[in-house]
Amino acid sequence: MALRRITKLFNNTIRFPKLSTTSTSYKILTGDDVTVLSEIVEGCVVTDVDDLEAYNMDWMRRCNAKSRLVLKPVSTEKVSRILSYCNNERIAVVPQGGNTG
């Protein structure tokens, strides 16, 4: 009973802002970008639409993203190379610490 009340309170107090999902300041991901980024992470990439679904939905099932690529770097050096490339190419990045398996 107490857990139900806490859950209801939690669900009623968390609100997510309405954010625009379109921006003209970022580049649209291309096949060449996917190739370069795949090489950086040595193939630790998710591109299958069905597999991406698990990464695009947050754990509370409230926010649904539209990412078309998930990279799984295994070192800070690879993270740095990914972010450097994306910054230079103006590719938007959404870091994720949860939902990563």
PDB file of N, CA and C in Angstrom:
ATOM      1  N   MET A   1       0.819  -1.193   0.000  1.00  0.00           N
ATOM      2  CA  MET A   1       0.000   0.000   0.000  1.00  0.00           C
ATOM      3  C   MET A   1       0.864   1.258   0.000  1.00  0.00           C
ATOM      4  N   ALA A   2       1.894   1.306   0.851  1.00  0.00           N
ATOM      5  CA  ALA A   2       2.772   2.472   0.906  1.00  0.00           C
ATOM      6  C   ALA A   2       3.528   2.625  -0.408  1.00  0.00           C
ATOM      7  N   LEU A   3       3.964   1.520  -0.983  1.00  0.00           N
ATOM      8  CA  LEU A   3       4.676   1.565  -2.262  1.00  0.00           C
ATOM      9  C   LEU A   3       3.780   2.128  -3.358  1.00  0.00           C
ATOM     10  N   ARG A   4       2.517   1.755  -3.343  1.00  0.00           N
ATOM     11  CA  ARG A   4       1.569   2.260  -4.333  1.00  0.00           C
ATOM     12  C   ARG A   4       1.424   3.782  -4.196  1.00  0.00           C
ATOM     13  N   ARG A   5       1.358   4.291  -2.967  1.00  0.00           N
ATOM     14  CA  ARG A   5       1.239   5.726  -2.749  1.00  0.00           C
ATOM     15  C   ARG A   5       2.490   6.462  -3.213  1.00  0.00           C
ATOM     16  N   ILE A   6       3.658   5.889  -2.906  1.00  0.00           N
ATOM     17  CA  ILE A   6       4.918   6.512  -3.328  1.00  0.00           C
ATOM     18  C   ILE A   6       5.006   6.535  -4.846  1.00  0.00           C
ATOM     19  N   THR A   7       4.642   5.436  -5.478  1.00  0.00           N
ATOM     20  CA  THR A   7       4.676   5.370  -6.936  1.00  0.00           C
ATOM     21  C   THR A   7       3.736   6.401  -7.546  1.00  0.00           C
ATOM     22  N   LYS A   8       2.535   6.523  -6.988  1.00  0.00           N
ATOM     23  CA  LYS A   8       1.571   7.495  -7.494  1.00  0.00           C
ATOM     24  C   LYS A   8       2.116   8.912  -7.311  1.00  0.00           C
ATOM     25  N   LEU A   9       2.682   9.204  -6.148  1.00  0.00           N
ATOM     26  CA  LEU A   9       3.255  10.517  -5.884  1.00  0.00           C
ATOM     27  C   LEU A   9       4.382  10.798  -6.870  1.00  0.00           C
ATOM     28  N   PHE A  10       5.255   9.815  -7.072  1.00  0.00           N
ATOM     29  CA  PHE A  10       6.376   9.961  -7.990  1.00  0.00           C
ATOM     30  C   PHE A  10       5.883  10.212  -9.409  1.00  0.00           C
ATOM     31  N   ASN A  11       4.939   9.438  -9.857  1.00  0.00           N
ATOM     32  CA  ASN A  11       4.418   9.583 -11.215  1.00  0.00           C
ATOM     33  C   ASN A  11       3.708  10.915 -11.424  1.00  0.00           C
ATOM     34  N   ASN A  12       3.099  11.460 -10.382  1.00  0.00           N
ATOM     35  CA  ASN A  12       2.373  12.717 -10.520  1.00  0.00           C
ATOM     36  C   ASN A  12       3.273  13.947 -10.407  1.00  0.00           C
ATOM     37  N   THR A  13       4.475  13.800  -9.857  1.00  0.00           N
ATOM     38  CA  THR A  13       5.329  14.973  -9.668  1.00  0.00           C
ATOM     39  C   THR A  13       6.387  15.118 -10.743  1.00  0.00           C
ATOM     40  N   ILE A  14       6.725  14.060 -11.433  1.00  0.00           N
ATOM     41  CA  ILE A  14       7.748  14.150 -12.472  1.00  0.00           C
ATOM     42  C   ILE A  14       7.100  14.618 -13.766  1.00  0.00           C
ATOM     43  N   ARG A  15       7.600  15.691 -14.288  1.00  0.00           N
ATOM     44  CA  ARG A  15       7.118  16.205 -15.563  1.00  0.00           C
ATOM     45  C   ARG A  15       8.330  16.479 -16.448  1.00  0.00           C
ATOM     46  N   PHE A  16       8.235  16.096 -17.691  1.00  0.00           N
ATOM     47  CA  PHE A  16       9.315  16.333 -18.622  1.00  0.00           C
ATOM     48  C   PHE A  16       8.958  17.521 -19.497  1.00  0.00           C
ATOM     49  N   PRO A  17       9.917  18.401 -19.720  1.00  0.00           N
ATOM     50  CA  PRO A  17       9.614  19.575 -20.547  1.00  0.00           C
ATOM     51  C   PRO A  17       9.386  19.160 -21.995  1.00  0.00           C
ATOM     52  N   LYS A  18       8.599  19.949 -22.683  1.00  0.00           N
ATOM     53  CA  LYS A  18       8.412  19.723 -24.109  1.00  0.00           C
ATOM     54  C   LYS A  18       9.636  20.284 -24.823  1.00  0.00           C
ATOM     55  N   LEU A  19      10.402  19.403 -25.427  1.00  0.00           N
ATOM     56  CA  LEU A  19      11.594  19.817 -26.139  1.00  0.00           C
ATOM     57  C   LEU A  19      11.394  19.613 -27.631  1.00  0.00           C
ATOM     58  N   SER A  20      11.940  20.504 -28.383  1.00  0.00           N
ATOM     59  CA  SER A  20      11.881  20.358 -29.832  1.00  0.00           C
ATOM     60  C   SER A  20      12.789  19.208 -30.249  1.00  0.00           C
ATOM     61  N   THR A  21      12.313  18.360 -31.120  1.00  0.00           N
ATOM     62  CA  THR A  21      13.128  17.238 -31.572  1.00  0.00           C
ATOM     63  C   THR A  21      13.781  17.533 -32.914  1.00  0.00           C
ATOM     64  N   THR A  22      13.559  18.713 -33.419  1.00  0.00           N
ATOM     65  CA  THR A  22      14.193  19.088 -34.678  1.00  0.00           C
ATOM     66  C   THR A  22      15.062  20.308 -34.460  1.00  0.00           C
ATOM     67  N   SER A  23      16.232  20.261 -35.020  1.00  0.00           N
ATOM     68  CA  SER A  23      17.151  21.379 -34.922  1.00  0.00           C
ATOM     69  C   SER A  23      17.933  21.472 -36.221  1.00  0.00           C
ATOM     70  N   THR A  24      18.061  22.657 -36.716  1.00  0.00           N
ATOM     71  CA  THR A  24      18.808  22.838 -37.962  1.00  0.00           C
ATOM     72  C   THR A  24      20.294  23.001 -37.714  1.00  0.00           C
ATOM     73  N   SER A  25      20.695  23.074 -36.444  1.00  0.00           N
ATOM     74  CA  SER A  25      22.118  23.281 -36.162  1.00  0.00           C
ATOM     75  C   SER A  25      22.912  21.978 -36.135  1.00  0.00           C
ATOM     76  N   TYR A  26      22.248  20.834 -36.211  1.00  0.00           N
ATOM     77  CA  TYR A  26      22.950  19.558 -36.201  1.00  0.00           C
ATOM     78  C   TYR A  26      22.852  18.870 -37.555  1.00  0.00           C
ATOM     79  N   LYS A  27      23.897  18.155 -37.868  1.00  0.00           N
ATOM     80  CA  LYS A  27      23.972  17.402 -39.117  1.00  0.00           C
ATOM     81  C   LYS A  27      23.125  16.134 -39.008  1.00  0.00           C
ATOM     82  N   ILE A  28      22.580  15.700 -40.119  1.00  0.00           N
ATOM     83  CA  ILE A  28      21.870  14.423 -40.166  1.00  0.00           C
ATOM     84  C   ILE A  28      22.903  13.323 -40.372  1.00  0.00           C
ATOM     85  N   LEU A  29      22.818  12.291 -39.573  1.00  0.00           N
ATOM     86  CA  LEU A  29      23.766  11.181 -39.625  1.00  0.00           C
ATOM     87  C   LEU A  29      23.765  10.542 -41.013  1.00  0.00           C
ATOM     88  N   THR A  30      24.964  10.323 -41.564  1.00  0.00           N
ATOM     89  CA  THR A  30      25.095   9.705 -42.881  1.00  0.00           C
ATOM     90  C   THR A  30      25.736   8.327 -42.753  1.00  0.00           C
ATOM     91  N   GLY A  31      25.702   7.577 -43.822  1.00  0.00           N
ATOM     92  CA  GLY A  31      26.361   6.274 -43.856  1.00  0.00           C
ATOM     93  C   GLY A  31      27.858   6.391 -43.611  1.00  0.00           C
ATOM     94  N   ASP A  32      28.470   7.459 -44.134  1.00  0.00           N
ATOM     95  CA  ASP A  32      29.897   7.674 -43.896  1.00  0.00           C
ATOM     96  C   ASP A  32      30.182   7.899 -42.412  1.00  0.00           C
ATOM     97  N   ASP A  33      29.306   8.639 -41.743  1.00  0.00           N
ATOM     98  CA  ASP A  33      29.465   8.862 -40.304  1.00  0.00           C
ATOM     99  C   ASP A  33      29.391   7.535 -39.544  1.00  0.00           C
ATOM    100  N   VAL A  34      28.424   6.710 -39.904  1.00  0.00           N
ATOM    101  CA  VAL A  34      28.265   5.406 -39.247  1.00  0.00           C
ATOM    102  C   VAL A  34      29.518   4.560 -39.452  1.00  0.00           C
ATOM    103  N   THR A  35      30.087   4.606 -40.649  1.00  0.00           N
ATOM    104  CA  THR A  35      31.302   3.849 -40.934  1.00  0.00           C
ATOM    105  C   THR A  35      32.462   4.319 -40.062  1.00  0.00           C
ATOM    106  N   VAL A  36      32.673   5.626 -39.992  1.00  0.00           N
ATOM    107  CA  VAL A  36      33.768   6.180 -39.183  1.00  0.00           C
ATOM    108  C   VAL A  36      33.570   5.830 -37.716  1.00  0.00           C
ATOM    109  N   LEU A  37      32.369   6.028 -37.210  1.00  0.00           N
ATOM    110  CA  LEU A  37      32.103   5.756 -35.791  1.00  0.00           C
ATOM    111  C   LEU A  37      32.201   4.262 -35.491  1.00  0.00           C
ATOM    112  N   SER A  38      31.781   3.424 -36.411  1.00  0.00           N
ATOM    113  CA  SER A  38      31.897   1.969 -36.225  1.00  0.00           C
ATOM    114  C   SER A  38      33.357   1.548 -36.131  1.00  0.00           C
ATOM    115  N   GLU A  39      34.197   2.185 -36.927  1.00  0.00           N
ATOM    116  CA  GLU A  39      35.630   1.876 -36.868  1.00  0.00           C
ATOM    117  C   GLU A  39      36.222   2.275 -35.526  1.00  0.00           C
ATOM    118  N   ILE A  40      35.771   3.401 -34.980  1.00  0.00           N
ATOM    119  CA  ILE A  40      36.288   3.853 -33.682  1.00  0.00           C
ATOM    120  C   ILE A  40      35.968   2.838 -32.595  1.00  0.00           C
ATOM    121  N   VAL A  41      34.744   2.319 -32.579  1.00  0.00           N
ATOM    122  CA  VAL A  41      34.334   1.375 -31.529  1.00  0.00           C
ATOM    123  C   VAL A  41      34.528  -0.083 -31.948  1.00  0.00           C
ATOM    124  N   GLU A  42      35.206  -0.272 -33.065  1.00  0.00           N
ATOM    125  CA  GLU A  42      35.544  -1.611 -33.556  1.00  0.00           C
ATOM    126  C   GLU A  42      34.323  -2.521 -33.664  1.00  0.00           C
ATOM    127  N   GLY A  43      33.254  -1.977 -34.236  1.00  0.00           N
ATOM    128  CA  GLY A  43      32.069  -2.776 -34.505  1.00  0.00           C
ATOM    129  C   GLY A  43      31.075  -2.917 -33.365  1.00  0.00           C
ATOM    130  N   CYS A  44      31.342  -2.306 -32.229  1.00  0.00           N
ATOM    131  CA  CYS A  44      30.394  -2.372 -31.100  1.00  0.00           C
ATOM    132  C   CYS A  44      29.306  -1.324 -31.324  1.00  0.00           C
ATOM    133  N   VAL A  45      28.421  -1.636 -32.282  1.00  0.00           N
ATOM    134  CA  VAL A  45      27.422  -0.690 -32.764  1.00  0.00           C
ATOM    135  C   VAL A  45      26.070  -1.379 -32.849  1.00  0.00           C
ATOM    136  N   VAL A  46      25.015  -0.633 -32.551  1.00  0.00           N
ATOM    137  CA  VAL A  46      23.653  -1.123 -32.732  1.00  0.00           C
ATOM    138  C   VAL A  46      22.989  -0.210 -33.757  1.00  0.00           C
ATOM    139  N   THR A  47      22.489  -0.794 -34.855  1.00  0.00           N
ATOM    140  CA  THR A  47      21.793  -0.013 -35.875  1.00  0.00           C
ATOM    141  C   THR A  47      20.437  -0.609 -36.236  1.00  0.00           C
ATOM    142  N   ASP A  48      20.189  -1.837 -35.816  1.00  0.00           N
ATOM    143  CA  ASP A  48      18.922  -2.499 -36.134  1.00  0.00           C
ATOM    144  C   ASP A  48      17.769  -1.789 -35.418  1.00  0.00           C
ATOM    145  N   VAL A  49      16.736  -1.457 -36.172  1.00  0.00           N
ATOM    146  CA  VAL A  49      15.597  -0.702 -35.633  1.00  0.00           C
ATOM    147  C   VAL A  49      14.977  -1.398 -34.425  1.00  0.00           C
ATOM    148  N   ASP A  50      14.799  -2.711 -34.492  1.00  0.00           N
ATOM    149  CA  ASP A  50      14.197  -3.437 -33.369  1.00  0.00           C
ATOM    150  C   ASP A  50      15.096  -3.404 -32.137  1.00  0.00           C
ATOM    151  N   ASP A  51      16.408  -3.515 -32.342  1.00  0.00           N
ATOM    152  CA  ASP A  51      17.346  -3.467 -31.214  1.00  0.00           C
ATOM    153  C   ASP A  51      17.448  -2.063 -30.624  1.00  0.00           C
ATOM    154  N   LEU A  52      17.316  -1.052 -31.462  1.00  0.00           N
ATOM    155  CA  LEU A  52      17.399   0.335 -30.987  1.00  0.00           C
ATOM    156  C   LEU A  52      16.228   0.713 -30.090  1.00  0.00           C
ATOM    157  N   GLU A  53      15.112   0.035 -30.248  1.00  0.00           N
ATOM    158  CA  GLU A  53      13.912   0.362 -29.468  1.00  0.00           C
ATOM    159  C   GLU A  53      14.188   0.348 -27.965  1.00  0.00           C
ATOM    160  N   ALA A  54      14.968  -0.623 -27.504  1.00  0.00           N
ATOM    161  CA  ALA A  54      15.279  -0.721 -26.075  1.00  0.00           C
ATOM    162  C   ALA A  54      16.109   0.462 -25.594  1.00  0.00           C
ATOM    163  N   TYR A  55      16.929   1.021 -26.451  1.00  0.00           N
ATOM    164  CA  TYR A  55      17.769   2.162 -26.081  1.00  0.00           C
ATOM    165  C   TYR A  55      17.010   3.479 -26.203  1.00  0.00           C
ATOM    166  N   ASN A  56      16.042   3.529 -27.065  1.00  0.00           N
ATOM    167  CA  ASN A  56      15.313   4.770 -27.304  1.00  0.00           C
ATOM    168  C   ASN A  56      14.181   5.021 -26.313  1.00  0.00           C
ATOM    169  N   MET A  57      13.861   4.050 -25.498  1.00  0.00           N
ATOM    170  CA  MET A  57      12.806   4.225 -24.496  1.00  0.00           C
ATOM    171  C   MET A  57      13.448   4.263 -23.109  1.00  0.00           C
ATOM    172  N   ASP A  58      13.128   5.285 -22.326  1.00  0.00           N
ATOM    173  CA  ASP A  58      13.700   5.366 -20.982  1.00  0.00           C
ATOM    174  C   ASP A  58      13.068   4.314 -20.073  1.00  0.00           C
ATOM    175  N   TRP A  59      13.674   4.098 -18.926  1.00  0.00           N
ATOM    176  CA  TRP A  59      13.251   3.016 -18.023  1.00  0.00           C
ATOM    177  C   TRP A  59      11.856   3.229 -17.461  1.00  0.00           C
ATOM    178  N   MET A  60      11.386   4.478 -17.440  1.00  0.00           N
ATOM    179  CA  MET A  60      10.039   4.741 -16.928  1.00  0.00           C
ATOM    180  C   MET A  60       9.002   4.694 -18.045  1.00  0.00           C
ATOM    181  N   ARG A  61       9.449   4.458 -19.269  1.00  0.00           N
ATOM    182  CA  ARG A  61       8.563   4.379 -20.434  1.00  0.00           C
ATOM    183  C   ARG A  61       7.825   5.698 -20.694  1.00  0.00           C
ATOM    184  N   ARG A  62       8.497   6.819 -20.428  1.00  0.00           N
ATOM    185  CA  ARG A  62       7.881   8.126 -20.638  1.00  0.00           C
ATOM    186  C   ARG A  62       8.502   8.891 -21.803  1.00  0.00           C
ATOM    187  N   CYS A  63       9.776   8.682 -22.030  1.00  0.00           N
ATOM    188  CA  CYS A  63      10.471   9.416 -23.089  1.00  0.00           C
ATOM    189  C   CYS A  63      10.888   8.446 -24.175  1.00  0.00           C
ATOM    190  N   ASN A  64      10.528   8.768 -25.391  1.00  0.00           N
ATOM    191  CA  ASN A  64      10.880   7.917 -26.519  1.00  0.00           C
ATOM    192  C   ASN A  64      11.745   8.724 -27.470  1.00  0.00           C
ATOM    193  N   ALA A  65      12.987   8.301 -27.624  1.00  0.00           N
ATOM    194  CA  ALA A  65      13.935   9.007 -28.487  1.00  0.00           C
ATOM    195  C   ALA A  65      13.879   8.457 -29.908  1.00  0.00           C
ATOM    196  N   LYS A  66      14.685   9.041 -30.773  1.00  0.00           N
ATOM    197  CA  LYS A  66      14.684   8.627 -32.176  1.00  0.00           C
ATOM    198  C   LYS A  66      16.093   8.343 -32.681  1.00  0.00           C
ATOM    199  N   SER A  67      16.975   7.933 -31.784  1.00  0.00           N
ATOM    200  CA  SER A  67      18.346   7.639 -32.194  1.00  0.00           C
ATOM    201  C   SER A  67      18.368   6.502 -33.203  1.00  0.00           C
ATOM    202  N   ARG A  68      19.251   6.636 -34.181  1.00  0.00           N
ATOM    203  CA  ARG A  68      19.377   5.611 -35.201  1.00  0.00           C
ATOM    204  C   ARG A  68      20.670   4.826 -35.065  1.00  0.00           C
ATOM    205  N   LEU A  69      21.442   5.153 -34.014  1.00  0.00           N
ATOM    206  CA  LEU A  69      22.740   4.520 -33.821  1.00  0.00           C
ATOM    207  C   LEU A  69      23.085   4.498 -32.343  1.00  0.00           C
ATOM    208  N   VAL A  70      23.560   3.356 -31.864  1.00  0.00           N
ATOM    209  CA  VAL A  70      24.079   3.247 -30.501  1.00  0.00           C
ATOM    210  C   VAL A  70      25.511   2.760 -30.613  1.00  0.00           C
ATOM    211  N   LEU A  71      26.419   3.467 -29.959  1.00  0.00           N
ATOM    212  CA  LEU A  71      27.822   3.078 -29.932  1.00  0.00           C
ATOM    213  C   LEU A  71      28.156   2.567 -28.546  1.00  0.00           C
ATOM    214  N   LYS A  72      29.004   1.550 -28.481  1.00  0.00           N
ATOM    215  CA  LYS A  72      29.376   0.965 -27.198  1.00  0.00           C
ATOM    216  C   LYS A  72      30.901   0.985 -27.043  1.00  0.00           C
ATOM    217  N   PRO A  73      31.438   2.152 -26.728  1.00  0.00           N
ATOM    218  CA  PRO A  73      32.894   2.248 -26.559  1.00  0.00           C
ATOM    219  C   PRO A  73      33.337   1.516 -25.291  1.00  0.00           C
ATOM    220  N   VAL A  74      34.538   0.955 -25.338  1.00  0.00           N
ATOM    221  CA  VAL A  74      35.032   0.188 -24.188  1.00  0.00           C
ATOM    222  C   VAL A  74      36.143   0.912 -23.434  1.00  0.00           C
ATOM    223  N   SER A  75      36.447   2.142 -23.831  1.00  0.00           N
ATOM    224  CA  SER A  75      37.483   2.892 -23.125  1.00  0.00           C
ATOM    225  C   SER A  75      37.182   4.384 -23.204  1.00  0.00           C
ATOM    226  N   THR A  76      37.785   5.125 -22.297  1.00  0.00           N
ATOM    227  CA  THR A  76      37.605   6.577 -22.309  1.00  0.00           C
ATOM    228  C   THR A  76      38.242   7.184 -23.554  1.00  0.00           C
ATOM    229  N   GLU A  77      39.282   6.554 -24.061  1.00  0.00           N
ATOM    230  CA  GLU A  77      39.933   7.037 -25.283  1.00  0.00           C
ATOM    231  C   GLU A  77      38.957   6.967 -26.459  1.00  0.00           C
ATOM    232  N   LYS A  78      38.193   5.890 -26.538  1.00  0.00           N
ATOM    233  CA  LYS A  78      37.210   5.747 -27.615  1.00  0.00           C
ATOM    234  C   LYS A  78      36.058   6.746 -27.446  1.00  0.00           C
ATOM    235  N   VAL A  79      35.630   6.971 -26.213  1.00  0.00           N
ATOM    236  CA  VAL A  79      34.590   7.983 -25.955  1.00  0.00           C
ATOM    237  C   VAL A  79      35.088   9.342 -26.425  1.00  0.00           C
ATOM    238  N   SER A  80      36.323   9.659 -26.116  1.00  0.00           N
ATOM    239  CA  SER A  80      36.907  10.932 -26.516  1.00  0.00           C
ATOM    240  C   SER A  80      36.954  11.067 -28.032  1.00  0.00           C
ATOM    241  N   ARG A  81      37.328  10.021 -28.725  1.00  0.00           N
ATOM    242  CA  ARG A  81      37.389  10.052 -30.192  1.00  0.00           C
ATOM    243  C   ARG A  81      35.989  10.214 -30.801  1.00  0.00           C
ATOM    244  N   ILE A  82      35.008   9.525 -30.219  1.00  0.00           N
ATOM    245  CA  ILE A  82      33.618   9.650 -30.692  1.00  0.00           C
ATOM    246  C   ILE A  82      33.139  11.087 -30.539  1.00  0.00           C
ATOM    247  N   LEU A  83      33.323  11.638 -29.334  1.00  0.00           N
ATOM    248  CA  LEU A  83      32.840  12.997 -29.070  1.00  0.00           C
ATOM    249  C   LEU A  83      33.570  14.031 -29.910  1.00  0.00           C
ATOM    250  N   SER A  84      34.852  13.821 -30.134  1.00  0.00           N
ATOM    251  CA  SER A  84      35.623  14.731 -30.979  1.00  0.00           C
ATOM    252  C   SER A  84      35.090  14.712 -32.410  1.00  0.00           C
ATOM    253  N   TYR A  85      34.878  13.516 -32.941  1.00  0.00           N
ATOM    254  CA  TYR A  85      34.340  13.393 -34.300  1.00  0.00           C
ATOM    255  C   TYR A  85      32.956  14.044 -34.402  1.00  0.00           C
ATOM    256  N   CYS A  86      32.085  13.719 -33.457  1.00  0.00           N
ATOM    257  CA  CYS A  86      30.723  14.262 -33.491  1.00  0.00           C
ATOM    258  C   CYS A  86      30.721  15.775 -33.348  1.00  0.00           C
ATOM    259  N   ASN A  87      31.595  16.306 -32.524  1.00  0.00           N
ATOM    260  CA  ASN A  87      31.691  17.756 -32.371  1.00  0.00           C
ATOM    261  C   ASN A  87      32.158  18.399 -33.675  1.00  0.00           C
ATOM    262  N   ASN A  88      33.174  17.841 -34.278  1.00  0.00           N
ATOM    263  CA  ASN A  88      33.692  18.392 -35.538  1.00  0.00           C
ATOM    264  C   ASN A  88      32.665  18.317 -36.663  1.00  0.00           C
ATOM    265  N   GLU A  89      31.855  17.267 -36.659  1.00  0.00           N
ATOM    266  CA  GLU A  89      30.866  17.060 -37.718  1.00  0.00           C
ATOM    267  C   GLU A  89      29.488  17.625 -37.378  1.00  0.00           C
ATOM    268  N   ARG A  90      29.348  18.195 -36.182  1.00  0.00           N
ATOM    269  CA  ARG A  90      28.065  18.752 -35.716  1.00  0.00           C
ATOM    270  C   ARG A  90      26.967  17.685 -35.642  1.00  0.00           C
ATOM    271  N   ILE A  91      27.332  16.526 -35.097  1.00  0.00           N
ATOM    272  CA  ILE A  91      26.386  15.426 -34.901  1.00  0.00           C
ATOM    273  C   ILE A  91      25.945  15.452 -33.445  1.00  0.00           C
ATOM    274  N   ALA A  92      24.642  15.458 -33.209  1.00  0.00           N
ATOM    275  CA  ALA A  92      24.115  15.479 -31.840  1.00  0.00           C
ATOM    276  C   ALA A  92      24.432  14.161 -31.141  1.00  0.00           C
ATOM    277  N   VAL A  93      24.744  14.252 -29.852  1.00  0.00           N
ATOM    278  CA  VAL A  93      25.077  13.084 -29.037  1.00  0.00           C
ATOM    279  C   VAL A  93      24.175  13.069 -27.810  1.00  0.00           C
ATOM    280  N   VAL A  94      23.657  11.895 -27.490  1.00  0.00           N
ATOM    281  CA  VAL A  94      22.871  11.713 -26.277  1.00  0.00           C
ATOM    282  C   VAL A  94      23.578  10.657 -25.436  1.00  0.00           C
ATOM    283  N   PRO A  95      24.310  11.089 -24.387  1.00  0.00           N
ATOM    284  CA  PRO A  95      24.990  10.096 -23.550  1.00  0.00           C
ATOM    285  C   PRO A  95      23.960   9.315 -22.728  1.00  0.00           C
ATOM    286  N   GLN A  96      24.262   8.062 -22.473  1.00  0.00           N
ATOM    287  CA  GLN A  96      23.328   7.242 -21.720  1.00  0.00           C
ATOM    288  C   GLN A  96      24.090   6.312 -20.790  1.00  0.00           C
ATOM    289  N   GLY A  97      23.794   6.431 -19.504  1.00  0.00           N
ATOM    290  CA  GLY A  97      24.442   5.569 -18.517  1.00  0.00           C
ATOM    291  C   GLY A  97      23.573   4.384 -18.148  1.00  0.00           C
ATOM    292  N   GLY A  98      22.265   4.540 -18.280  1.00  0.00           N
ATOM    293  CA  GLY A  98      21.340   3.442 -18.028  1.00  0.00           C
ATOM    294  C   GLY A  98      20.889   2.849 -19.343  1.00  0.00           C
ATOM    295  N   ASN A  99      20.059   1.840 -19.282  1.00  0.00           N
ATOM    296  CA  ASN A  99      19.535   1.190 -20.490  1.00  0.00           C
ATOM    297  C   ASN A  99      20.632   0.583 -21.347  1.00  0.00           C
ATOM    298  N   THR A 100      21.794   0.335 -20.777  1.00  0.00           N
ATOM    299  CA  THR A 100      22.901  -0.143 -21.592  1.00  0.00           C
ATOM    300  C   THR A 100      23.153  -1.635 -21.426  1.00  0.00           C
ATOM    301  N   GLY A 101      22.311  -2.299 -20.685  1.00  0.00           N
ATOM    302  CA  GLY A 101      22.407  -3.750 -20.585  1.00  0.00           C
ATOM    303  C   GLY A 101      23.233  -4.176 -19.446  1.00  0.00           C
TER     304      GLY A 101
END
